[in-house]
């Protein structure tokens, strides 16, 4: 969401040139406009820290294709610092055998509240030095309250394409592996251990636990990225692969029965939705067979992602490979269901997600390195 700044960096071709260039002031930074500005040789993008109430990076050892926030019992509305966050992430390691799932807890997260209109704007004060001085004081004051990362690692066969925690039972997680297998895990022991951890971070950086998944499904014909838990039926899961196959997982007393097909409505337990590289969005009803009830051409290229609005259940958002994203009203699906179409992004849409608290708010990420 924050703006990016373009910074010019000069490269030295020799020690003499390095000494000479060190006396030349660098070019001033300026705001980079996506789709308008280009990056020249020697330029790079840097984030503007002033755009964030709180910003801190951490890593779990390898790049990650997917992560999920694990729901806890600390309350849904958190307006006061410090914060605590639980999550899971899957790695994309250099070698398949090095991959793992990172189960983490970040506690003692301290940030600062911002007024909708800064006091300096009301007072007509444009002195940026006072603002930066205040930020430096805040940073110095927070040195004794740094966030603490607690991390547990669980071995995973192959790269983790996608990971999702179940909303009703957050300790249950599903992973999509690049080996073509979908696995369900019970991480209750690891999360309980993290919950009991104190003010000192775990020193387990090199320890990878061998943990047996609750269920492994190898029926997909290809790897995939689509996976989600039902918000209404505890334990119901769907997984979709890159070979046009969608599998429905129905929970049993201690496992899952996996059948072939669908994806879901947030208000109707038997209704699902799917998107596809054939440019369509389909609506399915598991009570009526293995063919979609409705299928509509939604975009002019591959439909990469969809999100069903849980607060306004007639609305579904979709993101396309051409960079566009749309919103449709399912009440009008047989007619002209298009509510809005956006062409801001110029690269493929990689994720869309409706806010769980505000029905009119949607987040979109793209391969153009932007979150809007």
Protein backbone atom coordinates (compact mmCIF):
# COMPACT_ATOMS: atom_id res chain seq x y z
CA UNK A 1 0.00 0.00 0.00
CA UNK A 2 2.94 2.31 0.67
CA UNK A 3 4.53 4.39 -2.03
CA UNK A 4 7.83 3.41 -3.57
CA UNK A 5 10.75 5.79 -4.08
CA UNK A 6 13.17 5.63 -6.98
CA UNK A 7 16.80 6.12 -5.96
CA UNK A 8 19.73 6.63 -8.31
CA UNK A 9 22.84 4.64 -7.44
CA UNK A 10 26.13 5.12 -9.24
CA UNK A 11 28.37 2.16 -9.93
CA UNK A 12 32.15 2.55 -9.70
CA UNK A 13 34.29 0.94 -12.39
CA UNK A 14 37.56 1.26 -10.44
CA UNK A 15 38.97 2.40 -7.11
CA UNK A 16 39.70 5.81 -8.61
CA UNK A 17 36.18 6.11 -9.93
CA UNK A 18 34.82 4.96 -6.56
CA UNK A 19 36.79 7.64 -4.74
CA UNK A 20 35.66 10.26 -7.23
CA UNK A 21 31.99 9.27 -7.16
CA UNK A 22 31.93 9.27 -3.37
CA UNK A 23 32.28 13.05 -3.47
CA UNK A 24 29.35 13.42 -5.88
CA UNK A 25 25.98 13.73 -4.14
CA UNK A 26 23.44 11.10 -5.19
CA UNK A 27 20.41 12.14 -7.20
CA UNK A 28 17.40 13.09 -5.06
CA UNK A 29 14.79 10.42 -4.45
CA UNK A 30 11.35 10.82 -6.00
CA UNK A 31 8.04 9.00 -5.90
CA UNK A 32 7.80 6.26 -8.53
CA UNK A 33 4.54 6.11 -10.49
CA UNK A 34 3.66 2.55 -11.58
CA UNK A 35 2.81 2.33 -15.25
CA UNK A 36 4.24 5.81 -15.86
CA UNK A 37 7.86 5.83 -14.72
CA UNK A 38 10.50 3.34 -15.83
CA UNK A 39 13.61 2.13 -14.08
CA UNK A 40 16.87 3.10 -15.72
CA UNK A 41 20.14 1.25 -15.31
CA UNK A 42 21.54 1.80 -11.84
CA UNK A 43 18.17 2.77 -10.33
CA UNK A 44 16.27 0.74 -7.78
CA UNK A 45 13.02 1.00 -5.82
CA UNK A 46 12.96 1.52 -2.09
CA UNK A 47 9.90 1.65 0.15
CA UNK A 48 8.94 4.83 1.98
CA UNK A 49 8.86 3.97 5.73
CA UNK A 50 6.69 7.03 6.42
CA UNK A 51 3.77 5.27 4.71
CA UNK A 52 3.40 2.65 7.45
CA UNK A 53 2.19 2.63 11.05
CA UNK A 54 4.42 -0.38 11.56
CA UNK A 55 6.86 -2.16 9.29
CA UNK A 56 9.35 -4.89 10.10
CA UNK A 57 10.74 -7.70 8.01
CA UNK A 58 11.72 -11.18 9.12
CA UNK A 59 12.47 -14.45 7.37
CA UNK A 60 12.12 -18.14 8.11
CA UNK A 61 15.21 -19.21 6.16
CA UNK A 62 14.00 -19.62 2.55
CA UNK A 63 11.74 -17.70 0.16
CA UNK A 64 8.01 -18.37 0.61
CA UNK A 65 5.28 -18.66 -2.02
CA UNK A 66 2.48 -18.70 0.54
CA UNK A 67 1.62 -17.86 4.13
CA UNK A 68 -1.52 -17.64 6.26
CA UNK A 69 -2.48 -15.97 9.50
CA UNK A 70 -3.56 -18.48 12.15
CA UNK A 71 -6.65 -17.35 14.02
CA UNK A 72 -6.11 -17.06 17.79
CA UNK A 73 -8.19 -16.23 20.87
CA UNK A 74 -6.79 -12.73 21.38
CA UNK A 75 -9.77 -10.92 19.85
CA UNK A 76 -10.83 -9.88 16.35
CA UNK A 77 -10.57 -6.10 16.83
CA UNK A 78 -7.16 -4.99 18.07
CA UNK A 79 -6.66 -1.27 18.24
CA UNK A 80 -3.98 -1.07 20.91
CA UNK A 81 -0.30 -2.03 20.80
CA UNK A 82 1.52 -4.29 21.43
CA UNK A 83 0.17 -6.99 19.09
CA UNK A 84 0.77 -10.72 18.83
CA UNK A 85 0.46 -12.64 15.56
CA UNK A 86 0.46 -16.36 14.79
CA UNK A 87 1.06 -17.65 11.28
CA UNK A 88 2.25 -20.44 9.00
CA UNK A 89 4.41 -20.22 5.89
CA UNK A 90 5.81 -22.72 3.40
CA UNK A 91 9.26 -22.59 1.86
CA UNK A 92 10.64 -22.75 -1.68
CA UNK A 93 14.08 -24.12 -0.88
CA UNK A 94 17.05 -24.67 -3.17
CA UNK A 95 16.61 -28.43 -2.86
CA UNK A 96 13.30 -30.27 -2.51
CA UNK A 97 14.46 -32.14 0.59
CA UNK A 98 15.27 -28.86 2.38
CA UNK A 99 11.69 -27.57 2.41
CA UNK A 100 9.66 -27.10 5.55
CA UNK A 101 6.63 -25.37 7.03
CA UNK A 102 7.40 -22.49 9.38
CA UNK A 103 4.97 -22.15 12.28
CA UNK A 104 5.60 -18.81 13.93
CA UNK A 105 4.55 -16.38 16.61
CA UNK A 106 5.54 -12.72 16.57
CA UNK A 107 4.88 -10.95 19.86
CA UNK A 108 5.59 -7.53 21.33
CA UNK A 109 4.71 -5.77 18.08
CA UNK A 110 4.74 -2.05 18.86
CA UNK A 111 3.76 0.64 16.39
CA UNK A 112 2.28 4.10 16.43
CA UNK A 113 -1.21 5.36 15.81
CA UNK A 114 -1.66 8.03 13.19
CA UNK A 115 -4.36 10.66 13.10
CA UNK A 116 -6.44 10.77 9.87
CA UNK A 117 -5.17 14.34 9.40
CA UNK A 118 -1.66 14.99 10.83
CA UNK A 119 -1.44 17.79 13.37
CA UNK A 120 1.22 19.47 11.24
CA UNK A 121 -1.27 19.83 8.39
CA UNK A 122 -3.84 21.45 10.67
CA UNK A 123 -1.30 23.88 12.10
CA UNK A 124 0.13 24.66 8.69
CA UNK A 125 3.51 23.37 9.81
CA UNK A 126 5.50 22.01 6.89
CA UNK A 127 8.73 21.50 8.80
CA UNK A 128 9.73 17.93 7.95
CA UNK A 129 12.70 18.04 10.34
CA UNK A 130 10.43 17.95 13.38
CA UNK A 131 8.57 14.93 11.98
CA UNK A 132 11.77 12.99 11.28
CA UNK A 133 13.09 13.95 14.72
CA UNK A 134 9.93 12.60 16.31
CA UNK A 135 10.25 9.37 14.34
CA UNK A 136 13.85 8.99 15.51
CA UNK A 137 12.76 9.49 19.12
CA UNK A 138 10.00 6.88 18.69
CA UNK A 139 12.49 4.43 17.23
CA UNK A 140 14.95 5.01 20.06
CA UNK A 141 12.18 4.58 22.63
CA UNK A 142 11.14 1.30 21.04
CA UNK A 143 14.58 -0.30 21.07
CA UNK A 144 13.73 -2.01 24.38
CA UNK A 145 10.43 -3.28 22.99
CA UNK A 146 11.57 -5.03 19.82
CA UNK A 147 9.26 -7.71 18.38
CA UNK A 148 10.17 -11.29 19.20
CA UNK A 149 9.97 -14.09 16.65
CA UNK A 150 9.34 -17.64 17.85
CA UNK A 151 9.67 -20.21 15.05
CA UNK A 152 9.08 -23.94 14.70
CA UNK A 153 9.95 -25.84 11.52
CA UNK A 154 8.24 -28.97 10.20
CA UNK A 155 9.70 -30.94 7.30
CA UNK A 156 7.65 -30.83 4.06
CA UNK A 157 8.16 -32.95 0.94
CA UNK A 158 8.84 -30.47 -1.86
CA UNK A 159 8.07 -26.77 -2.23
CA UNK A 160 4.88 -25.45 -0.59
CA UNK A 161 2.78 -23.83 -3.33
CA UNK A 162 -0.02 -22.78 -0.97
CA UNK A 163 -0.83 -23.12 2.74
CA UNK A 164 -4.16 -22.45 4.47
CA UNK A 165 -5.25 -22.65 8.11
CA UNK A 166 -8.80 -23.78 8.91
CA UNK A 167 -10.86 -20.94 10.40
CA UNK A 168 -12.87 -23.13 12.81
CA UNK A 169 -9.91 -25.24 13.95
CA UNK A 170 -6.83 -23.06 13.27
CA UNK A 171 -4.34 -25.75 14.27
CA UNK A 172 -5.42 -27.76 11.21
CA UNK A 173 -3.57 -26.60 8.05
CA UNK A 174 -3.60 -27.78 4.45
CA UNK A 175 -0.65 -27.53 2.05
CA UNK A 176 -0.38 -27.82 -1.73
CA UNK A 177 3.04 -29.21 -2.69
CA UNK A 178 4.81 -28.97 -6.03
CA UNK A 179 5.07 -32.77 -5.86
CA UNK A 180 1.35 -32.91 -6.74
CA UNK A 181 0.27 -33.90 -3.22
CA UNK A 182 -2.16 -32.11 -0.92
CA UNK A 183 -1.57 -32.69 2.78
CA UNK A 184 -3.48 -31.87 5.95
CA UNK A 185 -1.56 -31.25 9.17
CA UNK A 186 -2.34 -30.94 12.87
CA UNK A 187 -0.01 -28.32 14.35
CA UNK A 188 -1.66 -28.10 17.78
CA UNK A 189 1.46 -29.23 19.66
CA UNK A 190 3.63 -26.61 17.95
CA UNK A 191 1.10 -23.79 18.42
CA UNK A 192 0.64 -24.69 22.09
CA UNK A 193 4.41 -24.58 22.54
CA UNK A 194 4.54 -21.16 20.89
CA UNK A 195 1.67 -19.91 23.06
CA UNK A 196 3.64 -20.83 26.17
CA UNK A 197 6.83 -19.17 24.96
CA UNK A 198 7.99 -16.17 26.91
CA UNK A 199 10.03 -13.06 26.19
CA UNK A 200 13.02 -14.94 24.79
CA UNK A 201 12.96 -16.27 21.22
CA UNK A 202 13.31 -19.98 20.59
CA UNK A 203 16.78 -20.99 19.52
CA UNK A 204 15.74 -23.69 17.05
CA UNK A 205 16.97 -22.16 13.80
CA UNK A 206 18.52 -25.39 12.53
CA UNK A 207 16.10 -27.93 13.95
CA UNK A 208 13.49 -29.31 11.56
CA UNK A 209 10.85 -31.53 13.13
CA UNK A 210 9.60 -34.64 11.38
CA UNK A 211 5.83 -34.58 11.77
CA UNK A 212 3.37 -36.97 10.15
CA UNK A 213 0.46 -35.32 8.26
CA UNK A 214 -3.09 -36.33 9.15
CA UNK A 215 -3.99 -36.91 5.48
CA UNK A 216 -2.07 -37.14 2.20
CA UNK A 217 -3.93 -37.04 -1.13
CA UNK A 218 -2.11 -37.93 -4.33
CA UNK A 219 -5.08 -38.07 -6.70
CA UNK A 220 -4.30 -34.83 -8.54
CA UNK A 221 -2.73 -35.32 -11.97
CA UNK A 222 -0.60 -32.19 -11.69
CA UNK A 223 0.56 -29.70 -9.07
CA UNK A 224 -1.72 -26.80 -8.17
CA UNK A 225 -2.17 -23.64 -6.13
CA UNK A 226 -5.92 -23.50 -5.37
CA UNK A 227 -6.92 -24.64 -1.90
CA UNK A 228 -9.40 -23.33 0.67
CA UNK A 229 -11.45 -24.36 3.71
CA UNK A 230 -15.21 -23.89 3.92
CA UNK A 231 -16.21 -20.97 6.17
CA UNK A 232 -19.45 -22.82 7.07
CA UNK A 233 -18.76 -26.56 7.21
CA UNK A 234 -15.95 -27.41 9.60
CA UNK A 235 -13.31 -29.50 7.86
CA UNK A 236 -14.68 -29.25 4.33
CA UNK A 237 -11.84 -28.49 1.89
CA UNK A 238 -11.36 -28.03 -1.84
CA UNK A 239 -8.14 -28.29 -3.86
CA UNK A 240 -7.65 -27.42 -7.52
CA UNK A 241 -4.72 -28.29 -9.78
CA UNK A 242 -3.21 -26.99 -13.03
CA UNK A 243 -4.84 -29.84 -14.97
CA UNK A 244 -8.44 -28.56 -14.65
CA UNK A 245 -9.30 -30.93 -11.77
CA UNK A 246 -10.99 -29.78 -8.54
CA UNK A 247 -11.35 -32.16 -5.60
CA UNK A 248 -13.85 -31.86 -2.76
CA UNK A 249 -12.74 -33.09 0.67
CA UNK A 250 -15.49 -34.15 3.09
CA UNK A 251 -14.45 -34.61 6.75
CA UNK A 252 -15.06 -37.89 8.55
CA UNK A 253 -14.62 -38.66 12.26
CA UNK A 254 -10.82 -38.79 12.00
CA UNK A 255 -9.89 -38.12 8.34
CA UNK A 256 -11.30 -36.98 4.96
CA UNK A 257 -13.04 -38.61 2.02
CA UNK A 258 -11.83 -36.95 -1.18
CA UNK A 259 -14.18 -36.76 -4.19
CA UNK A 260 -13.76 -35.08 -7.59
CA UNK A 261 -14.87 -31.40 -8.07
CA UNK A 262 -15.90 -27.70 -6.62
CA UNK A 263 -15.11 -24.36 -4.39
CA UNK A 264 -17.60 -22.32 -2.21
CA UNK A 265 -20.27 -19.86 -1.31
CA UNK A 266 -19.77 -18.18 2.07
CA UNK A 267 -23.52 -18.42 2.81
CA UNK A 268 -24.59 -21.72 1.24
CA UNK A 269 -22.83 -24.86 2.41
CA UNK A 270 -23.25 -26.83 -0.83
CA UNK A 271 -22.45 -24.08 -3.36
CA UNK A 272 -18.95 -23.57 -4.76
CA UNK A 273 -17.19 -21.34 -7.27
CA UNK A 274 -14.11 -21.91 -9.38
CA UNK A 275 -12.05 -19.95 -11.87
CA UNK A 276 -10.01 -21.31 -14.74
CA UNK A 277 -7.44 -20.71 -17.45
CA UNK A 278 -10.31 -21.11 -19.95
CA UNK A 279 -11.32 -17.53 -18.96
CA UNK A 280 -14.45 -18.59 -17.07
CA UNK A 281 -15.92 -18.50 -13.58
CA UNK A 282 -18.19 -21.43 -12.71
CA UNK A 283 -20.75 -21.95 -9.96
CA UNK A 284 -21.22 -25.51 -8.69
CA UNK A 285 -23.77 -27.28 -6.49
CA UNK A 286 -22.48 -30.54 -5.04
CA UNK A 287 -26.07 -31.86 -4.79
CA UNK A 288 -26.66 -31.76 -8.54
CA UNK A 289 -23.73 -33.67 -9.98
CA UNK A 290 -20.32 -33.03 -11.46
CA UNK A 291 -21.12 -30.28 -13.95
CA UNK A 292 -21.27 -26.56 -13.12
CA UNK A 293 -24.73 -25.03 -12.69
CA UNK A 294 -23.55 -21.80 -14.28
CA UNK A 295 -20.43 -20.91 -16.23
CA UNK A 296 -19.70 -17.38 -17.45
CA UNK A 297 -16.84 -15.98 -19.52
CA UNK A 298 -15.39 -13.45 -17.10
CA UNK A 299 -12.19 -12.19 -18.77
CA UNK A 300 -10.27 -12.17 -22.04
CA UNK A 301 -7.36 -14.17 -20.62
CA UNK A 302 -6.68 -16.76 -17.88
CA UNK A 303 -8.63 -16.12 -14.68
CA UNK A 304 -5.97 -16.57 -12.00
CA UNK A 305 -7.84 -15.93 -8.74
CA UNK A 306 -11.29 -15.32 -7.29
CA UNK A 307 -12.66 -14.23 -3.92
CA UNK A 308 -16.26 -14.58 -2.73
CA UNK A 309 -17.44 -11.73 -0.52
CA UNK A 310 -18.49 -13.19 2.84
CA UNK A 311 -20.33 -10.03 3.94
CA UNK A 312 -22.04 -9.30 0.61
CA UNK A 313 -22.49 -12.84 -0.65
CA UNK A 314 -23.82 -11.84 -4.08
CA UNK A 315 -20.44 -10.31 -5.00
CA UNK A 316 -17.48 -12.22 -6.38
CA UNK A 317 -14.17 -10.68 -7.47
CA UNK A 318 -11.83 -12.17 -10.07
CA UNK A 319 -8.27 -11.38 -11.16
CA UNK A 320 -6.96 -11.95 -14.67
CA UNK A 321 -3.61 -12.74 -16.26
CA UNK A 322 -3.83 -9.52 -18.33
CA UNK A 323 -3.72 -7.38 -15.15
CA UNK A 324 -7.41 -6.57 -14.97
CA UNK A 325 -9.79 -7.49 -12.18
CA UNK A 326 -13.59 -7.47 -12.04
CA UNK A 327 -16.51 -7.64 -9.64
CA UNK A 328 -19.69 -9.52 -10.54
CA UNK A 329 -23.15 -9.72 -9.00
CA UNK A 330 -24.17 -13.38 -8.91
CA UNK A 331 -27.85 -12.43 -8.80
CA UNK A 332 -27.43 -11.29 -12.40
CA UNK A 333 -25.05 -14.04 -13.49
CA UNK A 334 -27.26 -15.18 -16.41
CA UNK A 335 -27.51 -11.63 -17.74
CA UNK A 336 -24.97 -8.80 -17.49
CA UNK A 337 -23.49 -9.50 -14.08
CA UNK A 338 -20.48 -7.17 -14.40
CA UNK A 339 -20.55 -4.52 -11.65
CA UNK A 340 -17.07 -3.05 -12.12
CA UNK A 341 -13.96 -3.70 -14.20
CA UNK A 342 -10.53 -2.28 -13.38
CA UNK A 343 -7.46 -2.09 -15.62
CA UNK A 344 -5.04 -0.33 -13.28
CA UNK A 345 -2.49 -3.14 -13.04
CA UNK A 346 -0.40 -3.94 -16.12
CA UNK A 347 0.87 -7.38 -15.05
CA UNK A 348 -0.97 -10.57 -14.00
CA UNK A 349 -3.15 -10.44 -10.90
CA UNK A 350 -1.75 -12.88 -8.34
CA UNK A 351 -4.27 -12.54 -5.49
CA UNK A 352 -7.62 -10.93 -4.65
CA UNK A 353 -9.21 -10.93 -1.21
CA UNK A 354 -12.29 -9.22 0.23
CA UNK A 355 -11.98 -7.69 3.68
CA UNK A 356 -13.53 -9.88 6.41
CA UNK A 357 -14.77 -6.72 8.19
CA UNK A 358 -15.75 -4.26 5.43
CA UNK A 359 -17.90 -5.54 2.53
CA UNK A 360 -16.83 -2.83 0.08
CA UNK A 361 -13.07 -3.20 0.56
CA UNK A 362 -10.94 -5.43 -1.66
CA UNK A 363 -7.17 -6.03 -1.72
CA UNK A 364 -5.46 -6.92 -5.01
CA UNK A 365 -1.85 -7.95 -5.63
CA UNK A 366 -0.10 -8.15 -8.96
CA UNK A 367 3.11 -9.28 -10.59
CA UNK A 368 3.89 -5.55 -11.04
CA UNK A 369 5.07 -5.57 -7.38
CA UNK A 370 2.05 -3.63 -6.13
CA UNK A 371 -0.66 -4.25 -3.56
CA UNK A 372 -3.71 -2.04 -4.14
